[in-house]
Amino acid sequence: QVQLIESGGGLVQAGGSLRLSCAPSGRTFSSYSMGWFRQAPGKEREFVAAITWSGSSTSYTDSVKDRFTISRDNAKNTVYLQLSSLKPEDTAVYYCAASMKWTTLRNEYISWGQGTQVTVSS
């Protein structure tokens, strides 16, 4: 398994933008599909976006399509989630995760970061 470290969260006003980053500790993750999930207080952790190991395919949950963009730079060993047009309902802890499969299912991700808080004020 690979250890993941997220960064880039913070407090932003509605309509604003943030870019989250995720990098592995100690090894490369170029052979893994990568995903972003989020968990709001009192809610289940939910899928947000995923990208294949090559970056050729992406998937998004409907509520973030056209607002969020997932990308990866395998040369820099980093995956990104660009958050734009943020809404208060996007407030959550955002987690980066790695999978050996191309999947959007939470239980098929084998490595997780500690999460980064995103707070959107109205």
Protein backbone atom coordinates (compact mmCIF):
# COMPACT_ATOMS: atom_id res chain seq x y z
CA GLN A 1 0.00 0.00 0.00
CA VAL A 2 1.02 3.57 -0.55
CA GLN A 3 0.77 6.34 2.02
CA LEU A 4 -0.89 9.48 0.73
CA ILE A 5 -0.63 13.07 1.88
CA GLU A 6 -3.19 15.70 0.92
CA SER A 7 -2.74 19.46 0.97
CA GLY A 8 -4.45 22.60 -0.26
CA GLY A 9 -7.63 22.74 1.78
CA GLY A 10 -8.84 25.90 3.47
CA LEU A 11 -11.62 28.42 3.93
CA VAL A 12 -13.06 30.04 0.83
CA GLN A 13 -16.15 32.08 -0.01
CA ALA A 14 -18.90 30.67 -2.17
CA GLY A 15 -17.96 30.98 -5.83
CA GLY A 16 -14.27 30.72 -5.05
CA SER A 17 -11.67 28.12 -5.98
CA LEU A 18 -9.14 25.84 -4.36
CA ARG A 19 -6.67 23.28 -5.65
CA LEU A 20 -6.08 20.15 -3.63
CA SER A 21 -2.93 18.09 -4.09
CA CYS A 22 -2.12 14.52 -3.14
CA ALA A 23 1.29 12.91 -3.16
CA PRO A 24 2.50 9.53 -1.95
CA SER A 25 5.06 9.16 0.75
CA GLY A 26 7.99 7.02 -0.12
CA ARG A 27 6.95 5.49 -3.42
CA THR A 28 5.50 6.21 -6.80
CA PHE A 29 1.81 5.80 -7.51
CA SER A 30 1.90 5.85 -11.30
CA SER A 31 0.38 2.37 -11.56
CA TYR A 32 -2.64 3.26 -9.40
CA SER A 33 -5.98 4.75 -10.27
CA MET A 34 -6.54 7.71 -7.97
CA GLY A 35 -9.72 9.05 -6.47
CA TRP A 36 -10.99 11.88 -4.35
CA PHE A 37 -13.74 11.37 -1.80
CA ARG A 38 -15.31 13.73 0.71
CA GLN A 39 -17.10 13.44 4.01
CA ALA A 40 -19.30 16.12 5.48
CA PRO A 41 -20.23 16.09 9.19
CA GLY A 42 -22.81 13.44 9.92
CA LYS A 43 -22.69 12.04 6.39
CA GLU A 44 -21.15 9.03 4.66
CA ARG A 45 -17.89 9.41 2.78
CA GLU A 46 -18.83 9.90 -0.86
CA PHE A 47 -17.08 9.59 -4.20
CA VAL A 48 -16.12 12.88 -5.87
CA ALA A 49 -13.78 12.11 -8.77
CA ALA A 50 -11.37 9.51 -10.11
CA ILE A 51 -8.65 9.27 -12.74
CA THR A 52 -6.95 6.28 -14.36
CA TRP A 53 -3.25 5.61 -13.88
CA SER A 54 -2.51 7.13 -17.29
CA GLY A 55 -4.85 10.08 -16.88
CA SER A 56 -6.74 9.08 -20.02
CA SER A 57 -10.09 8.66 -18.29
CA THR A 58 -11.86 10.52 -15.51
CA SER A 59 -15.14 10.17 -13.66
CA TYR A 60 -17.10 12.62 -11.51
CA THR A 61 -20.11 12.53 -9.29
CA ASP A 62 -22.94 14.54 -10.82
CA SER A 63 -22.92 17.30 -8.21
CA VAL A 64 -19.37 18.39 -9.11
CA LYS A 65 -19.35 17.92 -12.88
CA ASP A 66 -18.32 21.11 -14.70
CA ARG A 67 -17.03 22.57 -11.42
CA PHE A 68 -14.25 20.19 -10.30
CA THR A 69 -11.37 18.81 -12.36
CA ILE A 70 -9.16 15.89 -11.44
CA SER A 71 -5.73 15.58 -13.01
CA ARG A 72 -2.41 13.93 -12.35
CA ASP A 73 1.23 14.51 -13.13
CA ASN A 74 3.03 11.18 -12.84
CA ALA A 75 6.39 12.87 -13.39
CA LYS A 76 5.74 14.92 -10.25
CA ASN A 77 4.03 11.99 -8.53
CA THR A 78 1.04 14.17 -7.70
CA VAL A 79 -2.70 14.11 -8.30
CA TYR A 80 -4.78 17.27 -8.17
CA LEU A 81 -8.39 18.24 -7.64
CA GLN A 82 -9.26 21.71 -8.88
CA LEU A 83 -12.39 22.97 -7.12
CA SER A 84 -14.18 25.89 -8.77
CA SER A 85 -17.52 27.64 -8.30
CA LEU A 86 -17.56 26.30 -4.77
CA LYS A 87 -20.81 26.07 -2.85
CA PRO A 88 -21.42 25.81 0.90
CA GLU A 89 -22.58 22.23 0.35
CA ASP A 90 -19.07 21.36 -0.86
CA THR A 91 -17.85 21.82 2.71
CA ALA A 92 -16.26 18.55 3.81
CA VAL A 93 -13.03 16.77 4.56
CA TYR A 94 -11.57 15.71 1.23
CA TYR A 95 -9.63 12.46 1.01
CA CYS A 96 -7.26 11.19 -1.62
CA ALA A 97 -7.21 7.44 -2.27
CA ALA A 98 -5.43 4.89 -4.45
CA SER A 99 -6.76 1.77 -6.12
CA MET A 100 -5.32 -1.01 -8.28
CA LYS A 101 -8.67 -0.98 -10.16
CA TRP A 102 -10.46 1.61 -12.25
CA THR A 103 -13.36 2.18 -9.86
CA THR A 104 -15.55 4.72 -8.12
CA LEU A 105 -16.39 2.37 -5.25
CA ARG A 106 -15.02 3.43 -1.89
CA ASN A 107 -14.31 -0.12 -0.71
CA GLU A 108 -12.07 -0.82 -3.71
CA TYR A 109 -9.59 1.88 -2.71
CA ILE A 110 -6.77 0.39 -0.69
CA SER A 111 -4.81 3.42 0.50
CA TRP A 112 -6.13 6.66 1.96
CA GLY A 113 -4.75 9.97 3.06
CA GLN A 114 -5.62 11.70 6.31
CA GLY A 115 -7.84 14.26 4.61
CA THR A 116 -7.84 18.01 4.14
CA GLN A 117 -10.64 20.31 5.28
CA VAL A 118 -12.48 22.44 2.74
CA THR A 119 -14.88 25.01 4.16
CA VAL A 120 -17.04 27.16 1.90
CA SER A 121 -18.74 30.15 3.49
CA SER A 122 -21.93 31.67 2.10
